[in-house]
Protein backbone atom coordinates (compact mmCIF):
# COMPACT_ATOMS: atom_id res chain seq x y z
CA MET A 1 -0.07 -0.11 -0.03
CA THR A 2 1.43 3.48 -0.94
CA PRO A 3 0.45 6.77 0.70
CA SER A 4 -1.87 7.63 -2.15
CA ASP A 5 -3.63 4.49 -2.08
CA PRO A 6 -6.78 4.98 -0.39
CA ARG A 7 -7.47 1.36 0.55
CA ASP A 8 -6.47 0.27 3.98
CA PRO A 9 -6.25 -3.40 4.14
CA ARG A 10 -7.09 -3.41 7.90
CA ILE A 11 -10.26 -1.87 7.08
CA ASP A 12 -11.20 -3.05 3.85
CA PRO A 13 -9.53 -6.38 2.99
CA GLN A 14 -9.52 -7.76 -0.25
CA PRO A 15 -9.69 -11.40 -1.31
CA GLY A 16 -6.63 -13.32 -0.57
CA ASP A 17 -5.07 -10.48 1.62
CA VAL A 18 -3.56 -11.63 4.97
CA VAL A 19 -3.71 -9.05 7.40
CA ARG A 20 -0.85 -8.87 9.92
CA ASN A 21 -1.70 -7.83 13.49
CA ARG A 22 1.12 -7.48 16.28
CA GLU A 23 0.81 -11.18 17.01
CA GLN A 24 -1.36 -12.91 14.25
CA ARG A 25 -2.01 -13.16 10.56
CA LEU A 26 -5.56 -13.23 9.85
CA THR A 27 -7.12 -14.05 6.45
CA THR A 28 -9.57 -11.89 4.84
CA GLN A 29 -12.45 -13.98 5.91
CA GLN A 30 -11.12 -14.11 9.54
CA VAL A 31 -11.12 -10.10 9.28
CA LYS A 32 -14.79 -9.94 7.78
CA GLN A 33 -16.07 -12.51 10.56
CA PHE A 34 -14.33 -10.59 13.28
CA ASN A 35 -15.66 -7.06 11.83
CA GLN A 36 -19.23 -8.64 11.92
CA MET A 37 -18.73 -9.95 15.71
CA ILE A 38 -17.58 -6.31 16.62
CA ARG A 39 -20.63 -4.58 14.98
CA SER A 40 -22.92 -7.08 16.48
CA LEU A 41 -21.52 -6.63 20.13
CA LYS A 42 -21.76 -2.67 19.25
CA ILE A 43 -25.37 -2.90 18.59
CA ILE A 44 -26.16 -5.21 21.67
CA ALA A 45 -24.31 -2.59 23.90
CA LYS A 46 -25.62 0.46 22.27
CA ASP A 47 -28.96 -0.22 20.87
CA TYR A 48 -30.77 -2.48 23.21
CA LYS A 49 -32.42 -0.81 25.98
CA LYS A 50 -31.46 -1.51 29.67
CA PRO A 51 -33.85 -3.58 31.85
CA ASP A 52 -35.08 -0.58 33.86
CA TRP A 53 -35.87 1.32 30.67
CA LEU A 54 -38.00 -1.29 29.42
CA ARG A 55 -39.67 -1.65 32.95
CA ARG A 56 -40.57 2.13 32.50
CA ASN A 57 -41.51 2.47 28.75
CA SER A 58 -42.37 -0.87 27.14
CA GLU A 59 -45.99 -0.46 27.97
CA LYS A 60 -46.52 2.87 26.41
CA LEU A 61 -44.03 2.58 23.41
CA TYR A 62 -44.49 -1.03 22.47
CA GLY A 63 -47.82 -2.00 23.99
CA LEU A 64 -45.82 -4.85 25.82
CA GLU A 65 -45.59 -5.75 29.52
CA TYR A 66 -42.28 -5.70 30.74
CA GLU A 67 -41.70 -9.26 30.99
CA GLU A 68 -42.69 -9.87 27.12
CA ALA A 69 -40.60 -6.92 26.06
CA LEU A 70 -37.74 -8.33 28.04
CA GLU A 71 -38.20 -11.64 26.74
CA MET A 72 -38.15 -10.50 23.36
CA ALA A 73 -35.16 -8.21 23.61
CA TYR A 74 -33.29 -11.46 25.03
CA GLU A 75 -34.32 -13.50 21.98
CA ASN A 76 -33.40 -10.79 19.80
CA ILE A 77 -29.85 -10.82 21.21
CA GLN A 78 -29.48 -14.43 20.87
CA ASN A 79 -30.43 -13.95 17.26
CA LEU A 80 -28.13 -11.47 16.67
CA ALA A 81 -25.07 -13.45 18.29
CA SER A 82 -26.33 -16.57 16.55
CA ILE A 83 -26.12 -14.77 13.00
CA SER A 84 -22.74 -13.19 13.97
CA VAL A 85 -20.88 -16.44 14.86
CA ARG A 86 -22.48 -18.57 12.13
CA GLY A 87 -19.66 -20.17 10.15
CA VAL A 88 -16.98 -18.75 12.31
CA ARG A 89 -14.09 -21.32 13.21
CA PRO A 90 -11.77 -20.64 16.25
CA ILE A 91 -8.13 -19.64 15.40
CA GLU A 92 -5.93 -22.23 16.68
CA GLU A 93 -3.25 -20.84 18.78
CA SER A 94 -0.67 -22.37 16.57
CA ASP A 95 -2.04 -20.76 13.53
CA ALA A 96 -1.79 -17.43 15.31
CA SER A 97 2.00 -17.10 15.42
CA CYS A 98 3.59 -14.93 12.49
C-alpha cells in the first residue's frame, strides 16, 4: 500500500489478503468475521435498551408488558449473536503465530 492508495487493508481487506496484526496473521474471511462480531457487539451494547428503561417504557411505546418486552429483547440478542458467529471457526493458537 502506498500513501496515495486509499484502500486500507485493515479496514477493507480484499480476497486473498493476509492482514498482519502484532501477533497474528488473519485471512480476509477472519477479518470480515471479526468485524461482523464487533458490529454485533456494538449493537447489543448501544442499541438494546436496559431492563430499567424497558420496565418504565415498554407498555406505552411497544404495547407490551415488561416481561414480554424483556423476553423479546433477549431472544433478539440471542438471534443476533447466532447470526454473528455462524460459520466462524476458532483460530488455533498454533495458527496465530507469525
